[in-house]
Amino acid sequence: ERAFLAALAAQAPGPSADGDAWQTAIFTTAAAREVPPGRAFRAVYLAFLGRPNGPRAGWLLASLDREFVVGRLREAASATLAGDDQGDDQGDDQGGDHRGATPGGSE
């Protein structure tokens, strides 16, 4: 997932991007890197929240300063994320395309 995070930093939408733009960037970057969506979202959540799930990722990133987001993505890409090299499928149990309801059912 580290390569995915580096690619997402490079493909980050502009400063006025909304949650939909970030959501699209996550899906597009994951597809280009052949990373399953569940693993891509897990990597984003681990990088920003330190856990494998969280609120709608696109809107989380849109709510933060773009320079902070890009910097954090780059930082996380250069570090070993918890579970990154263990080959487990944790975080993939969310199902769906992650565009709908927040995991856990609340926002």
PDB file of N, CA and C in Angstrom:
ATOM      1  N   GLU A   1       0.802  -1.207   0.000  1.00  0.00           N
ATOM      2  CA  GLU A   1       0.000   0.000   0.000  1.00  0.00           C
ATOM      3  C   GLU A   1       0.847   1.275   0.000  1.00  0.00           C
ATOM      4  N   ARG A   2       2.116   1.150   0.341  1.00  0.00           N
ATOM      5  CA  ARG A   2       2.954   2.355   0.367  1.00  0.00           C
ATOM      6  C   ARG A   2       3.064   2.989  -1.010  1.00  0.00           C
ATOM      7  N   ALA A   3       3.204   2.172  -2.045  1.00  0.00           N
ATOM      8  CA  ALA A   3       3.281   2.718  -3.405  1.00  0.00           C
ATOM      9  C   ALA A   3       1.968   3.405  -3.778  1.00  0.00           C
ATOM     10  N   PHE A   4       0.862   2.842  -3.337  1.00  0.00           N
ATOM     11  CA  PHE A   4      -0.438   3.473  -3.581  1.00  0.00           C
ATOM     12  C   PHE A   4      -0.494   4.846  -2.916  1.00  0.00           C
ATOM     13  N   LEU A   5      -0.048   4.953  -1.660  1.00  0.00           N
ATOM     14  CA  LEU A   5      -0.089   6.237  -0.955  1.00  0.00           C
ATOM     15  C   LEU A   5       0.791   7.275  -1.638  1.00  0.00           C
ATOM     16  N   ALA A   6       1.963   6.858  -2.106  1.00  0.00           N
ATOM     17  CA  ALA A   6       2.844   7.785  -2.835  1.00  0.00           C
ATOM     18  C   ALA A   6       2.183   8.254  -4.121  1.00  0.00           C
ATOM     19  N   ALA A   7       1.540   7.332  -4.825  1.00  0.00           N
ATOM     20  CA  ALA A   7       0.851   7.688  -6.068  1.00  0.00           C
ATOM     21  C   ALA A   7      -0.326   8.614  -5.789  1.00  0.00           C
ATOM     22  N   LEU A   8      -1.052   8.364  -4.705  1.00  0.00           N
ATOM     23  CA  LEU A   8      -2.179   9.240  -4.351  1.00  0.00           C
ATOM     24  C   LEU A   8      -1.678  10.645  -4.029  1.00  0.00           C
ATOM     25  N   ALA A   9      -0.551  10.747  -3.350  1.00  0.00           N
ATOM     26  CA  ALA A   9       0.027  12.066  -3.074  1.00  0.00           C
ATOM     27  C   ALA A   9       0.340  12.792  -4.384  1.00  0.00           C
ATOM     28  N   ALA A  10       0.872  12.063  -5.351  1.00  0.00           N
ATOM     29  CA  ALA A  10       1.218  12.659  -6.642  1.00  0.00           C
ATOM     30  C   ALA A  10      -0.018  13.031  -7.453  1.00  0.00           C
ATOM     31  N   GLN A  11      -1.122  12.316  -7.252  1.00  0.00           N
ATOM     32  CA  GLN A  11      -2.361  12.545  -7.994  1.00  0.00           C
ATOM     33  C   GLN A  11      -3.376  13.369  -7.208  1.00  0.00           C
ATOM     34  N   ALA A  12      -2.968  13.938  -6.091  1.00  0.00           N
ATOM     35  CA  ALA A  12      -3.897  14.650  -5.209  1.00  0.00           C
ATOM     36  C   ALA A  12      -4.651  15.743  -5.965  1.00  0.00           C
ATOM     37  N   PRO A  13      -5.968  15.808  -5.744  1.00  0.00           N
ATOM     38  CA  PRO A  13      -6.759  16.877  -6.364  1.00  0.00           C
ATOM     39  C   PRO A  13      -6.309  18.250  -5.862  1.00  0.00           C
ATOM     40  N   GLY A  14      -6.752  19.288  -6.525  1.00  0.00           N
ATOM     41  CA  GLY A  14      -6.385  20.656  -6.174  1.00  0.00           C
ATOM     42  C   GLY A  14      -6.897  21.099  -4.812  1.00  0.00           C
ATOM     43  N   PRO A  15      -6.464  22.267  -4.372  1.00  0.00           N
ATOM     44  CA  PRO A  15      -6.797  22.774  -3.038  1.00  0.00           C
ATOM     45  C   PRO A  15      -8.285  22.926  -2.760  1.00  0.00           C
ATOM     46  N   SER A  16      -9.092  23.153  -3.786  1.00  0.00           N
ATOM     47  CA  SER A  16     -10.525  23.334  -3.561  1.00  0.00           C
ATOM     48  C   SER A  16     -11.326  22.053  -3.787  1.00  0.00           C
ATOM     49  N   ALA A  17     -10.634  20.907  -3.861  1.00  0.00           N
ATOM     50  CA  ALA A  17     -11.302  19.635  -4.127  1.00  0.00           C
ATOM     51  C   ALA A  17     -12.257  19.266  -2.998  1.00  0.00           C
ATOM     52  N   ASP A  18     -13.392  18.709  -3.396  1.00  0.00           N
ATOM     53  CA  ASP A  18     -14.365  18.253  -2.399  1.00  0.00           C
ATOM     54  C   ASP A  18     -14.196  16.756  -2.158  1.00  0.00           C
ATOM     55  N   GLY A  19     -15.056  16.203  -1.333  1.00  0.00           N
ATOM     56  CA  GLY A  19     -14.982  14.791  -1.001  1.00  0.00           C
ATOM     57  C   GLY A  19     -15.120  13.884  -2.208  1.00  0.00           C
ATOM     58  N   ASP A  20     -15.983  14.269  -3.146  1.00  0.00           N
ATOM     59  CA  ASP A  20     -16.150  13.463  -4.363  1.00  0.00           C
ATOM     60  C   ASP A  20     -14.853  13.404  -5.163  1.00  0.00           C
ATOM     61  N   ALA A  21     -14.145  14.519  -5.263  1.00  0.00           N
ATOM     62  CA  ALA A  21     -12.888  14.551  -6.014  1.00  0.00           C
ATOM     63  C   ALA A  21     -11.843  13.649  -5.358  1.00  0.00           C
ATOM     64  N   TRP A  22     -11.753  13.701  -4.036  1.00  0.00           N
ATOM     65  CA  TRP A  22     -10.816  12.828  -3.333  1.00  0.00           C
ATOM     66  C   TRP A  22     -11.224  11.372  -3.461  1.00  0.00           C
ATOM     67  N   GLN A  23     -12.508  11.097  -3.368  1.00  0.00           N
ATOM     68  CA  GLN A  23     -13.010   9.728  -3.490  1.00  0.00           C
ATOM     69  C   GLN A  23     -12.627   9.172  -4.861  1.00  0.00           C
ATOM     70  N   THR A  24     -12.834   9.979  -5.902  1.00  0.00           N
ATOM     71  CA  THR A  24     -12.474   9.574  -7.257  1.00  0.00           C
ATOM     72  C   THR A  24     -10.972   9.337  -7.367  1.00  0.00           C
ATOM     73  N   ALA A  25     -10.179  10.217  -6.774  1.00  0.00           N
ATOM     74  CA  ALA A  25      -8.719  10.065  -6.811  1.00  0.00           C
ATOM     75  C   ALA A  25      -8.288   8.765  -6.138  1.00  0.00           C
ATOM     76  N   ILE A  26      -8.917   8.426  -5.027  1.00  0.00           N
ATOM     77  CA  ILE A  26      -8.574   7.179  -4.326  1.00  0.00           C
ATOM     78  C   ILE A  26      -8.882   5.982  -5.219  1.00  0.00           C
ATOM     79  N   PHE A  27     -10.092   5.946  -5.783  1.00  0.00           N
ATOM     80  CA  PHE A  27     -10.475   4.817  -6.639  1.00  0.00           C
ATOM     81  C   PHE A  27      -9.606   4.733  -7.889  1.00  0.00           C
ATOM     82  N   THR A  28      -9.356   5.856  -8.543  1.00  0.00           N
ATOM     83  CA  THR A  28      -8.568   5.882  -9.770  1.00  0.00           C
ATOM     84  C   THR A  28      -7.132   5.436  -9.509  1.00  0.00           C
ATOM     85  N   THR A  29      -6.550   5.955  -8.448  1.00  0.00           N
ATOM     86  CA  THR A  29      -5.169   5.602  -8.104  1.00  0.00           C
ATOM     87  C   THR A  29      -5.072   4.134  -7.715  1.00  0.00           C
ATOM     88  N   ALA A  30      -6.037   3.652  -6.949  1.00  0.00           N
ATOM     89  CA  ALA A  30      -6.042   2.239  -6.564  1.00  0.00           C
ATOM     90  C   ALA A  30      -6.144   1.347  -7.799  1.00  0.00           C
ATOM     91  N   ALA A  31      -7.034   1.682  -8.715  1.00  0.00           N
ATOM     92  CA  ALA A  31      -7.200   0.884  -9.927  1.00  0.00           C
ATOM     93  C   ALA A  31      -5.922   0.884 -10.768  1.00  0.00           C
ATOM     94  N   ALA A  32      -5.284   2.045 -10.888  1.00  0.00           N
ATOM     95  CA  ALA A  32      -4.060   2.145 -11.675  1.00  0.00           C
ATOM     96  C   ALA A  32      -2.930   1.320 -11.069  1.00  0.00           C
ATOM     97  N   ARG A  33      -2.937   1.192  -9.755  1.00  0.00           N
ATOM     98  CA  ARG A  33      -1.913   0.426  -9.031  1.00  0.00           C
ATOM     99  C   ARG A  33      -2.338  -1.021  -8.780  1.00  0.00           C
ATOM    100  N   GLU A  34      -3.527  -1.376  -9.267  1.00  0.00           N
ATOM    101  CA  GLU A  34      -4.086  -2.707  -9.053  1.00  0.00           C
ATOM    102  C   GLU A  34      -4.169  -3.061  -7.567  1.00  0.00           C
ATOM    103  N   VAL A  35      -4.560  -2.081  -6.786  1.00  0.00           N
ATOM    104  CA  VAL A  35      -4.782  -2.264  -5.349  1.00  0.00           C
ATOM    105  C   VAL A  35      -6.290  -2.382  -5.143  1.00  0.00           C
ATOM    106  N   PRO A  36      -6.763  -3.457  -4.507  1.00  0.00           N
ATOM    107  CA  PRO A  36      -8.202  -3.568  -4.250  1.00  0.00           C
ATOM    108  C   PRO A  36      -8.693  -2.375  -3.425  1.00  0.00           C
ATOM    109  N   PRO A  37      -9.898  -1.877  -3.701  1.00  0.00           N
ATOM    110  CA  PRO A  37     -10.402  -0.703  -2.979  1.00  0.00           C
ATOM    111  C   PRO A  37     -10.333  -0.842  -1.452  1.00  0.00           C
ATOM    112  N   GLY A  38     -10.660  -2.000  -0.930  1.00  0.00           N
ATOM    113  CA  GLY A  38     -10.612  -2.179   0.524  1.00  0.00           C
ATOM    114  C   GLY A  38      -9.231  -1.948   1.096  1.00  0.00           C
ATOM    115  N   ARG A  39      -8.211  -2.420   0.388  1.00  0.00           N
ATOM    116  CA  ARG A  39      -6.833  -2.219   0.853  1.00  0.00           C
ATOM    117  C   ARG A  39      -6.410  -0.763   0.688  1.00  0.00           C
ATOM    118  N   ALA A  40      -6.879  -0.116  -0.360  1.00  0.00           N
ATOM    119  CA  ALA A  40      -6.545   1.291  -0.572  1.00  0.00           C
ATOM    120  C   ALA A  40      -7.131   2.150   0.546  1.00  0.00           C
ATOM    121  N   PHE A  41      -8.402   1.925   0.851  1.00  0.00           N
ATOM    122  CA  PHE A  41      -9.027   2.703   1.913  1.00  0.00           C
ATOM    123  C   PHE A  41      -8.396   2.391   3.259  1.00  0.00           C
ATOM    124  N   ARG A  42      -8.048   1.144   3.479  1.00  0.00           N
ATOM    125  CA  ARG A  42      -7.381   0.755   4.724  1.00  0.00           C
ATOM    126  C   ARG A  42      -6.074   1.528   4.877  1.00  0.00           C
ATOM    127  N   ALA A  43      -5.305   1.648   3.792  1.00  0.00           N
ATOM    128  CA  ALA A  43      -4.043   2.376   3.829  1.00  0.00           C
ATOM    129  C   ALA A  43      -4.263   3.852   4.173  1.00  0.00           C
ATOM    130  N   VAL A  44      -5.300   4.450   3.593  1.00  0.00           N
ATOM    131  CA  VAL A  44      -5.616   5.855   3.891  1.00  0.00           C
ATOM    132  C   VAL A  44      -5.987   6.005   5.361  1.00  0.00           C
ATOM    133  N   TYR A  45      -6.861   5.117   5.852  1.00  0.00           N
ATOM    134  CA  TYR A  45      -7.280   5.204   7.252  1.00  0.00           C
ATOM    135  C   TYR A  45      -6.105   5.009   8.201  1.00  0.00           C
ATOM    136  N   LEU A  46      -5.233   4.053   7.908  1.00  0.00           N
ATOM    137  CA  LEU A  46      -4.068   3.844   8.764  1.00  0.00           C
ATOM    138  C   LEU A  46      -3.156   5.071   8.750  1.00  0.00           C
ATOM    139  N   ALA A  47      -2.991   5.681   7.593  1.00  0.00           N
ATOM    140  CA  ALA A  47      -2.112   6.845   7.481  1.00  0.00           C
ATOM    141  C   ALA A  47      -2.638   8.044   8.259  1.00  0.00           C
ATOM    142  N   PHE A  48      -3.957   8.218   8.274  1.00  0.00           N
ATOM    143  CA  PHE A  48      -4.520   9.414   8.904  1.00  0.00           C
ATOM    144  C   PHE A  48      -5.118   9.176  10.276  1.00  0.00           C
ATOM    145  N   LEU A  49      -5.604   7.977  10.530  1.00  0.00           N
ATOM    146  CA  LEU A  49      -6.304   7.721  11.790  1.00  0.00           C
ATOM    147  C   LEU A  49      -5.620   6.668  12.658  1.00  0.00           C
ATOM    148  N   GLY A  50      -4.677   5.943  12.072  1.00  0.00           N
ATOM    149  CA  GLY A  50      -3.999   4.901  12.824  1.00  0.00           C
ATOM    150  C   GLY A  50      -4.852   3.676  13.082  1.00  0.00           C
ATOM    151  N   ARG A  51      -5.897   3.517  12.301  1.00  0.00           N
ATOM    152  CA  ARG A  51      -6.774   2.341  12.411  1.00  0.00           C
ATOM    153  C   ARG A  51      -7.239   1.966  11.005  1.00  0.00           C
ATOM    154  N   PRO A  52      -7.713   0.729  10.814  1.00  0.00           N
ATOM    155  CA  PRO A  52      -8.015   0.268   9.456  1.00  0.00           C
ATOM    156  C   PRO A  52      -9.356   0.708   8.882  1.00  0.00           C
ATOM    157  N   ASN A  53     -10.125   1.489   9.610  1.00  0.00           N
ATOM    158  CA  ASN A  53     -11.402   1.976   9.074  1.00  0.00           C
ATOM    159  C   ASN A  53     -11.685   3.349   9.645  1.00  0.00           C
ATOM    160  N   GLY A  54     -12.706   3.989   9.100  1.00  0.00           N
ATOM    161  CA  GLY A  54     -13.017   5.329   9.558  1.00  0.00           C
ATOM    162  C   GLY A  54     -14.148   5.939   8.755  1.00  0.00           C
ATOM    163  N   PRO A  55     -14.269   7.249   8.841  1.00  0.00           N
ATOM    164  CA  PRO A  55     -15.336   7.937   8.106  1.00  0.00           C
ATOM    165  C   PRO A  55     -15.054   7.904   6.607  1.00  0.00           C
ATOM    166  N   ARG A  56     -15.961   8.419   5.839  1.00  0.00           N
ATOM    167  CA  ARG A  56     -15.795   8.439   4.385  1.00  0.00           C
ATOM    168  C   ARG A  56     -14.476   9.128   4.032  1.00  0.00           C
ATOM    169  N   ALA A  57     -13.582   8.369   3.447  1.00  0.00           N
ATOM    170  CA  ALA A  57     -12.208   8.820   3.252  1.00  0.00           C
ATOM    171  C   ALA A  57     -12.097  10.086   2.410  1.00  0.00           C
ATOM    172  N   GLY A  58     -12.848  10.175   1.327  1.00  0.00           N
ATOM    173  CA  GLY A  58     -12.761  11.363   0.480  1.00  0.00           C
ATOM    174  C   GLY A  58     -13.112  12.632   1.234  1.00  0.00           C
ATOM    175  N   TRP A  59     -14.132  12.546   2.049  1.00  0.00           N
ATOM    176  CA  TRP A  59     -14.575  13.719   2.801  1.00  0.00           C
ATOM    177  C   TRP A  59     -13.640  14.017   3.970  1.00  0.00           C
ATOM    178  N   LEU A  60     -13.045  12.980   4.527  1.00  0.00           N
ATOM    179  CA  LEU A  60     -12.027  13.186   5.561  1.00  0.00           C
ATOM    180  C   LEU A  60     -10.870  13.981   4.980  1.00  0.00           C
ATOM    181  N   LEU A  61     -10.360  13.546   3.835  1.00  0.00           N
ATOM    182  CA  LEU A  61      -9.225  14.234   3.225  1.00  0.00           C
ATOM    183  C   LEU A  61      -9.589  15.639   2.772  1.00  0.00           C
ATOM    184  N   ALA A  62     -10.790  15.824   2.247  1.00  0.00           N
ATOM    185  CA  ALA A  62     -11.225  17.150   1.797  1.00  0.00           C
ATOM    186  C   ALA A  62     -11.355  18.124   2.961  1.00  0.00           C
ATOM    187  N   SER A  63     -11.604  17.604   4.163  1.00  0.00           N
ATOM    188  CA  SER A  63     -11.768  18.481   5.329  1.00  0.00           C
ATOM    189  C   SER A  63     -10.439  18.974   5.883  1.00  0.00           C
ATOM    190  N   LEU A  64      -9.345  18.398   5.402  1.00  0.00           N
ATOM    191  CA  LEU A  64      -8.014  18.747   5.886  1.00  0.00           C
ATOM    192  C   LEU A  64      -7.293  19.635   4.875  1.00  0.00           C
ATOM    193  N   ASP A  65      -6.299  20.352   5.341  1.00  0.00           N
ATOM    194  CA  ASP A  65      -5.476  21.173   4.464  1.00  0.00           C
ATOM    195  C   ASP A  65      -4.764  20.287   3.443  1.00  0.00           C
ATOM    196  N   ARG A  66      -4.843  20.655   2.178  1.00  0.00           N
ATOM    197  CA  ARG A  66      -4.265  19.826   1.116  1.00  0.00           C
ATOM    198  C   ARG A  66      -2.782  19.564   1.331  1.00  0.00           C
ATOM    199  N   GLU A  67      -2.023  20.575   1.710  1.00  0.00           N
ATOM    200  CA  GLU A  67      -0.579  20.390   1.916  1.00  0.00           C
ATOM    201  C   GLU A  67      -0.309  19.398   3.041  1.00  0.00           C
ATOM    202  N   PHE A  68      -1.128  19.439   4.097  1.00  0.00           N
ATOM    203  CA  PHE A  68      -1.005  18.458   5.174  1.00  0.00           C
ATOM    204  C   PHE A  68      -1.289  17.057   4.643  1.00  0.00           C
ATOM    205  N   VAL A  69      -2.355  16.915   3.855  1.00  0.00           N
ATOM    206  CA  VAL A  69      -2.738  15.607   3.315  1.00  0.00           C
ATOM    207  C   VAL A  69      -1.618  15.044   2.441  1.00  0.00           C
ATOM    208  N   VAL A  70      -1.122  15.847   1.525  1.00  0.00           N
ATOM    209  CA  VAL A  70      -0.061  15.392   0.625  1.00  0.00           C
ATOM    210  C   VAL A  70       1.185  15.023   1.430  1.00  0.00           C
ATOM    211  N   GLY A  71       1.540  15.848   2.394  1.00  0.00           N
ATOM    212  CA  GLY A  71       2.703  15.555   3.236  1.00  0.00           C
ATOM    213  C   GLY A  71       2.532  14.272   4.023  1.00  0.00           C
ATOM    214  N   ARG A  72       1.348  14.074   4.576  1.00  0.00           N
ATOM    215  CA  ARG A  72       1.090  12.862   5.352  1.00  0.00           C
ATOM    216  C   ARG A  72       1.095  11.630   4.458  1.00  0.00           C
ATOM    217  N   LEU A  73       0.529  11.726   3.268  1.00  0.00           N
ATOM    218  CA  LEU A  73       0.563  10.602   2.335  1.00  0.00           C
ATOM    219  C   LEU A  73       2.005  10.231   1.989  1.00  0.00           C
ATOM    220  N   ARG A  74       2.827  11.230   1.744  1.00  0.00           N
ATOM    221  CA  ARG A  74       4.234  10.967   1.420  1.00  0.00           C
ATOM    222  C   ARG A  74       4.961  10.357   2.611  1.00  0.00           C
ATOM    223  N   GLU A  75       4.705  10.900   3.784  1.00  0.00           N
ATOM    224  CA  GLU A  75       5.329  10.378   5.000  1.00  0.00           C
ATOM    225  C   GLU A  75       4.932   8.916   5.232  1.00  0.00           C
ATOM    226  N   ALA A  76       3.645   8.634   5.099  1.00  0.00           N
ATOM    227  CA  ALA A  76       3.157   7.266   5.303  1.00  0.00           C
ATOM    228  C   ALA A  76       3.699   6.325   4.225  1.00  0.00           C
ATOM    229  N   ALA A  77       3.872   6.834   3.020  1.00  0.00           N
ATOM    230  CA  ALA A  77       4.398   6.011   1.939  1.00  0.00           C
ATOM    231  C   ALA A  77       5.840   5.600   2.206  1.00  0.00           C
ATOM    232  N   SER A  78       6.562   6.419   2.925  1.00  0.00           N
ATOM    233  CA  SER A  78       7.966   6.112   3.195  1.00  0.00           C
ATOM    234  C   SER A  78       8.162   5.327   4.487  1.00  0.00           C
ATOM    235  N   ALA A  79       7.103   5.146   5.255  1.00  0.00           N
ATOM    236  CA  ALA A  79       7.179   4.406   6.516  1.00  0.00           C
ATOM    237  C   ALA A  79       6.458   3.077   6.364  1.00  0.00           C
ATOM    238  N   THR A  80       6.735   2.171   7.249  1.00  0.00           N
ATOM    239  CA  THR A  80       6.013   0.909   7.263  1.00  0.00           C
ATOM    240  C   THR A  80       4.739   1.102   8.055  1.00  0.00           C
ATOM    241  N   LEU A  81       3.598   0.890   7.387  1.00  0.00           N
ATOM    242  CA  LEU A  81       2.321   0.992   8.069  1.00  0.00           C
ATOM    243  C   LEU A  81       2.029  -0.300   8.814  1.00  0.00           C
ATOM    244  N   ALA A  82       1.321  -0.211   9.909  1.00  0.00           N
ATOM    245  CA  ALA A  82       0.956  -1.392  10.679  1.00  0.00           C
ATOM    246  C   ALA A  82       0.235  -2.387   9.794  1.00  0.00           C
ATOM    247  N   GLY A  83       0.755  -3.600   9.715  1.00  0.00           N
ATOM    248  CA  GLY A  83       0.102  -4.648   8.944  1.00  0.00           C
ATOM    249  C   GLY A  83       0.372  -4.598   7.456  1.00  0.00           C
ATOM    250  N   ASP A  84       1.105  -3.602   6.963  1.00  0.00           N
ATOM    251  CA  ASP A  84       1.297  -3.433   5.527  1.00  0.00           C
ATOM    252  C   ASP A  84       1.970  -4.627   4.876  1.00  0.00           C
ATOM    253  N   ASP A  85       2.928  -5.231   5.554  1.00  0.00           N
ATOM    254  CA  ASP A  85       3.683  -6.310   4.945  1.00  0.00           C
ATOM    255  C   ASP A  85       3.252  -7.687   5.424  1.00  0.00           C
ATOM    256  N   GLN A  86       2.125  -7.784   6.089  1.00  0.00           N
ATOM    257  CA  GLN A  86       1.711  -9.051   6.649  1.00  0.00           C
ATOM    258  C   GLN A  86       0.771  -9.823   5.748  1.00  0.00           C
ATOM    259  N   GLY A  87       0.304  -9.235   4.658  1.00  0.00           N
ATOM    260  CA  GLY A  87      -0.512  -9.948   3.702  1.00  0.00           C
ATOM    261  C   GLY A  87      -1.904 -10.312   4.197  1.00  0.00           C
ATOM    262  N   ASP A  88      -2.353  -9.709   5.285  1.00  0.00           N
ATOM    263  CA  ASP A  88      -3.692 -10.032   5.758  1.00  0.00           C
ATOM    264  C   ASP A  88      -4.718  -9.221   5.002  1.00  0.00           C
ATOM    265  N   ASP A  89      -5.954  -9.577   5.154  1.00  0.00           N
ATOM    266  CA  ASP A  89      -7.025  -8.888   4.455  1.00  0.00           C
ATOM    267  C   ASP A  89      -7.865  -8.049   5.394  1.00  0.00           C
ATOM    268  N   GLN A  90      -7.321  -7.669   6.532  1.00  0.00           N
ATOM    269  CA  GLN A  90      -8.090  -6.829   7.438  1.00  0.00           C
ATOM    270  C   GLN A  90      -8.466  -5.553   6.723  1.00  0.00           C
ATOM    271  N   GLY A  91      -9.661  -5.067   6.987  1.00  0.00           N
ATOM    272  CA  GLY A  91     -10.126  -3.850   6.350  1.00  0.00           C
ATOM    273  C   GLY A  91     -10.896  -4.113   5.071  1.00  0.00           C
ATOM    274  N   ASP A  92     -10.724  -5.298   4.476  1.00  0.00           N
ATOM    275  CA  ASP A  92     -11.450  -5.611   3.256  1.00  0.00           C
ATOM    276  C   ASP A  92     -12.866  -6.091   3.536  1.00  0.00           C
ATOM    277  N   ASP A  93     -13.227  -6.253   4.807  1.00  0.00           N
ATOM    278  CA  ASP A  93     -14.541  -6.777   5.147  1.00  0.00           C
ATOM    279  C   ASP A  93     -15.626  -5.714   5.085  1.00  0.00           C
ATOM    280  N   GLN A  94     -15.289  -4.516   4.650  1.00  0.00           N
ATOM    281  CA  GLN A  94     -16.274  -3.446   4.562  1.00  0.00           C
ATOM    282  C   GLN A  94     -17.251  -3.682   3.423  1.00  0.00           C
ATOM    283  N   GLY A  95     -16.803  -4.350   2.365  1.00  0.00           N
ATOM    284  CA  GLY A  95     -17.669  -4.596   1.217  1.00  0.00           C
ATOM    285  C   GLY A  95     -18.015  -3.303   0.505  1.00  0.00           C
ATOM    286  N   GLY A  96     -18.740  -3.409  -0.567  1.00  0.00           N
ATOM    287  CA  GLY A  96     -19.212  -2.220  -1.278  1.00  0.00           C
ATOM    288  C   GLY A  96     -18.072  -1.428  -1.865  1.00  0.00           C
ATOM    289  N   ASP A  97     -18.384  -0.196  -2.230  1.00  0.00           N
ATOM    290  CA  ASP A  97     -17.384   0.624  -2.885  1.00  0.00           C
ATOM    291  C   ASP A  97     -16.929   1.792  -2.027  1.00  0.00           C
ATOM    292  N   HIS A  98     -17.305   1.831  -0.786  1.00  0.00           N
ATOM    293  CA  HIS A  98     -16.892   2.846   0.173  1.00  0.00           C
ATOM    294  C   HIS A  98     -17.384   4.247  -0.164  1.00  0.00           C
ATOM    295  N   ARG A  99     -18.335   4.373  -1.070  1.00  0.00           N
ATOM    296  CA  ARG A  99     -18.889   5.687  -1.393  1.00  0.00           C
ATOM    297  C   ARG A  99     -20.113   5.983  -0.562  1.00  0.00           C
ATOM    298  N   GLY A 100     -20.678   4.985   0.044  1.00  0.00           N
ATOM    299  CA  GLY A 100     -21.931   5.139   0.769  1.00  0.00           C
ATOM    300  C   GLY A 100     -21.729   5.393   2.242  1.00  0.00           C
ATOM    301  N   ALA A 101     -22.417   4.648   3.045  1.00  0.00           N
ATOM    302  CA  ALA A 101     -22.438   4.860   4.487  1.00  0.00           C
ATOM    303  C   ALA A 101     -21.046   4.673   5.080  1.00  0.00           C
ATOM    304  N   THR A 102     -20.851   5.354   6.156  1.00  0.00           N
ATOM    305  CA  THR A 102     -19.606   5.280   6.905  1.00  0.00           C
ATOM    306  C   THR A 102     -19.519   3.918   7.581  1.00  0.00           C
ATOM    307  N   PRO A 103     -18.319   3.282   7.554  1.00  0.00           N
ATOM    308  CA  PRO A 103     -18.171   2.044   8.306  1.00  0.00           C
ATOM    309  C   PRO A 103     -18.579   2.270   9.759  1.00  0.00           C
ATOM    310  N   GLY A 104     -19.324   1.371  10.310  1.00  0.00           N
ATOM    311  CA  GLY A 104     -19.789   1.527  11.667  1.00  0.00           C
ATOM    312  C   GLY A 104     -21.138   2.203  11.739  1.00  0.00           C
ATOM    313  N   GLY A 105     -21.602   2.751  10.613  1.00  0.00           N
ATOM    314  CA  GLY A 105     -22.948   3.289  10.535  1.00  0.00           C
ATOM    315  C   GLY A 105     -23.156   4.698  11.043  1.00  0.00           C
ATOM    316  N   SER A 106     -22.090   5.443  11.347  1.00  0.00           N
ATOM    317  CA  SER A 106     -22.301   6.809  11.826  1.00  0.00           C
ATOM    318  C   SER A 106     -21.278   7.739  11.216  1.00  0.00           C
ATOM    319  N   GLU A 107     -21.596   9.011  11.174  1.00  0.00           N
ATOM    320  CA  GLU A 107     -20.650  10.026  10.691  1.00  0.00           C
ATOM    321  C   GLU A 107     -20.498  11.091  11.724  1.00  0.00           C
TER     322      GLU A 107
END
